Amino acid sequence: MNKIIKNIFLKDNNNTLGFIRIFFSIFGGLVVSYFLIMIISEQLKYSIFENIVIGIIILPFFWSAMSLYIIMSKTKFNSILKALIPAIVLYAILYIF
């Protein structure tokens, strides 16, 4: 158990990305960009069709930017934090406030 915890905080060499960074980059970037699109759609007050079109156009750009931001982390722990903290904050903005 101690070895697993120590491995998460080690600095990765960028020659090998690793499963954790790739996983959180793909799925964490998707979740954060989806929540961001939902907030933008909620603020624009357009019809459902216009919101869907805006989401289809903008989602790939937000997803790729967020995934690149997450995958360029120095450690595995930083990549986990870069995926979870924005997702939790955006979720709170959407559903709690």
C-alpha atoms as a PDB file:
ATOM      1  CA  MET A   1       0.000   0.000   0.000  1.00  0.00           C
ATOM      2  CA  ASN A   2       2.837   2.356   0.865  1.00  0.00           C
ATOM      3  CA  LYS A   3       4.466   1.663  -2.501  1.00  0.00           C
ATOM      4  CA  ILE A   4       1.254   2.571  -4.355  1.00  0.00           C
ATOM      5  CA  ILE A   5       0.890   5.862  -2.469  1.00  0.00           C
ATOM      6  CA  LYS A   6       4.548   6.703  -3.026  1.00  0.00           C
ATOM      7  CA  ASN A   7       4.181   5.915  -6.741  1.00  0.00           C
ATOM      8  CA  ILE A   8       1.318   8.403  -7.181  1.00  0.00           C
ATOM      9  CA  PHE A   9       3.416  11.315  -5.923  1.00  0.00           C
ATOM     10  CA  LEU A  10       6.524  10.512  -7.964  1.00  0.00           C
ATOM     11  CA  LYS A  11       7.369  12.802 -10.845  1.00  0.00           C
ATOM     12  CA  ASP A  12       6.749  11.077 -14.157  1.00  0.00           C
ATOM     13  CA  ASN A  13       9.135  11.263 -17.040  1.00  0.00           C
ATOM     14  CA  ASN A  14       7.206  12.476 -20.041  1.00  0.00           C
ATOM     15  CA  ASN A  15       8.508   9.650 -22.241  1.00  0.00           C
ATOM     16  CA  THR A  16       5.817   7.358 -20.881  1.00  0.00           C
ATOM     17  CA  LEU A  17       2.455   8.868 -20.059  1.00  0.00           C
ATOM     18  CA  GLY A  18       0.974   6.105 -17.974  1.00  0.00           C
ATOM     19  CA  PHE A  19      -2.526   4.825 -17.474  1.00  0.00           C
ATOM     20  CA  ILE A  20      -3.621   7.281 -14.786  1.00  0.00           C
ATOM     21  CA  ARG A  21      -2.689  10.415 -16.723  1.00  0.00           C
ATOM     22  CA  ILE A  22      -4.277   9.142 -19.940  1.00  0.00           C
ATOM     23  CA  PHE A  23      -7.442   7.968 -18.166  1.00  0.00           C
ATOM     24  CA  PHE A  24      -7.977  11.232 -16.289  1.00  0.00           C
ATOM     25  CA  SER A  25      -7.050  13.214 -19.364  1.00  0.00           C
ATOM     26  CA  ILE A  26      -9.703  11.573 -21.530  1.00  0.00           C
ATOM     27  CA  PHE A  27     -12.562  11.160 -19.077  1.00  0.00           C
ATOM     28  CA  GLY A  28     -11.793  14.073 -16.762  1.00  0.00           C
ATOM     29  CA  GLY A  29     -11.440  16.398 -19.738  1.00  0.00           C
ATOM     30  CA  LEU A  30     -14.774  15.158 -21.096  1.00  0.00           C
ATOM     31  CA  VAL A  31     -16.600  15.661 -17.802  1.00  0.00           C
ATOM     32  CA  VAL A  32     -15.178  19.144 -17.208  1.00  0.00           C
ATOM     33  CA  SER A  33     -15.859  20.301 -20.765  1.00  0.00           C
ATOM     34  CA  TYR A  34     -19.386  18.862 -20.655  1.00  0.00           C
ATOM     35  CA  PHE A  35     -20.154  20.719 -17.420  1.00  0.00           C
ATOM     36  CA  LEU A  36     -18.716  23.884 -18.959  1.00  0.00           C
ATOM     37  CA  ILE A  37     -20.940  23.515 -22.024  1.00  0.00           C
ATOM     38  CA  MET A  38     -23.949  23.006 -19.745  1.00  0.00           C
ATOM     39  CA  ILE A  39     -23.155  26.223 -17.863  1.00  0.00           C
ATOM     40  CA  ILE A  40     -22.723  28.157 -21.113  1.00  0.00           C
ATOM     41  CA  SER A  41     -25.995  26.784 -22.500  1.00  0.00           C
ATOM     42  CA  GLU A  42     -27.810  27.668 -19.314  1.00  0.00           C
ATOM     43  CA  GLN A  43     -26.577  31.250 -19.435  1.00  0.00           C
ATOM     44  CA  LEU A  44     -27.377  31.891 -23.103  1.00  0.00           C
ATOM     45  CA  LYS A  45     -31.133  31.259 -22.802  1.00  0.00           C
ATOM     46  CA  TYR A  46     -31.502  30.080 -26.399  1.00  0.00           C
ATOM     47  CA  SER A  47     -33.841  27.388 -27.638  1.00  0.00           C
ATOM     48  CA  ILE A  48     -32.928  23.735 -27.151  1.00  0.00           C
ATOM     49  CA  PHE A  49     -31.880  23.312 -30.777  1.00  0.00           C
ATOM     50  CA  GLU A  50     -29.524  26.296 -30.684  1.00  0.00           C
ATOM     51  CA  ASN A  51     -27.980  25.097 -27.429  1.00  0.00           C
ATOM     52  CA  ILE A  52     -27.377  21.658 -28.933  1.00  0.00           C
ATOM     53  CA  VAL A  53     -25.700  23.159 -31.989  1.00  0.00           C
ATOM     54  CA  ILE A  54     -23.491  25.391 -29.827  1.00  0.00           C
ATOM     55  CA  GLY A  55     -22.549  22.392 -27.679  1.00  0.00           C
ATOM     56  CA  ILE A  56     -21.687  20.256 -30.706  1.00  0.00           C
ATOM     57  CA  ILE A  57     -19.459  22.992 -32.116  1.00  0.00           C
ATOM     58  CA  ILE A  58     -17.648  24.022 -28.919  1.00  0.00           C
ATOM     59  CA  LEU A  59     -17.329  20.700 -27.033  1.00  0.00           C
ATOM     60  CA  PRO A  60     -14.385  19.275 -29.053  1.00  0.00           C
ATOM     61  CA  PHE A  61     -12.337  22.425 -28.504  1.00  0.00           C
ATOM     62  CA  PHE A  62     -12.944  22.485 -24.745  1.00  0.00           C
ATOM     63  CA  TRP A  63     -12.358  18.736 -24.479  1.00  0.00           C
ATOM     64  CA  SER A  64      -9.043  18.823 -26.327  1.00  0.00           C
ATOM     65  CA  ALA A  65      -7.813  21.879 -24.403  1.00  0.00           C
ATOM     66  CA  MET A  66      -8.739  20.404 -21.025  1.00  0.00           C
ATOM     67  CA  SER A  67      -7.256  17.009 -21.908  1.00  0.00           C
ATOM     68  CA  LEU A  68      -3.996  18.613 -22.975  1.00  0.00           C
ATOM     69  CA  TYR A  69      -3.933  20.636 -19.761  1.00  0.00           C
ATOM     70  CA  ILE A  70      -4.402  17.478 -17.676  1.00  0.00           C
ATOM     71  CA  ILE A  71      -1.987  15.234 -19.559  1.00  0.00           C
ATOM     72  CA  MET A  72       0.877  17.733 -19.273  1.00  0.00           C
ATOM     73  CA  SER A  73       0.931  17.359 -15.476  1.00  0.00           C
ATOM     74  CA  LYS A  74       4.218  16.606 -13.785  1.00  0.00           C
ATOM     75  CA  THR A  75       2.855  13.930 -11.458  1.00  0.00           C
ATOM     76  CA  LYS A  76      -0.041  11.492 -11.432  1.00  0.00           C
ATOM     77  CA  PHE A  77      -1.488  13.201  -8.385  1.00  0.00           C
ATOM     78  CA  ASN A  78      -1.522  16.564 -10.173  1.00  0.00           C
ATOM     79  CA  SER A  79      -3.387  15.038 -13.093  1.00  0.00           C
ATOM     80  CA  ILE A  80      -5.987  13.602 -10.720  1.00  0.00           C
ATOM     81  CA  LEU A  81      -6.393  16.981  -9.040  1.00  0.00           C
ATOM     82  CA  LYS A  82      -6.611  18.820 -12.373  1.00  0.00           C
ATOM     83  CA  ALA A  83      -9.495  16.568 -13.353  1.00  0.00           C
ATOM     84  CA  LEU A  84     -11.414  16.330 -10.078  1.00  0.00           C
ATOM     85  CA  ILE A  85     -11.273  19.871  -8.694  1.00  0.00           C
ATOM     86  CA  PRO A  86     -12.733  21.640 -11.778  1.00  0.00           C
ATOM     87  CA  ALA A  87     -15.342  18.887 -12.134  1.00  0.00           C
ATOM     88  CA  ILE A  88     -16.466  19.295  -8.521  1.00  0.00           C
ATOM     89  CA  VAL A  89     -16.541  23.097  -8.759  1.00  0.00           C
ATOM     90  CA  LEU A  90     -18.504  23.089 -12.024  1.00  0.00           C
ATOM     91  CA  TYR A  91     -20.897  20.468 -10.654  1.00  0.00           C
ATOM     92  CA  ALA A  92     -21.490  22.653  -7.603  1.00  0.00           C
ATOM     93  CA  ILE A  93     -22.148  25.679  -9.825  1.00  0.00           C
ATOM     94  CA  LEU A  94     -24.615  23.735 -11.940  1.00  0.00           C
ATOM     95  CA  TYR A  95     -26.640  21.796  -9.411  1.00  0.00           C
ATOM     96  CA  ILE A  96     -26.130  23.308  -5.975  1.00  0.00           C
ATOM     97  CA  PHE A  97     -26.265  27.070  -6.620  1.00  0.00           C
END
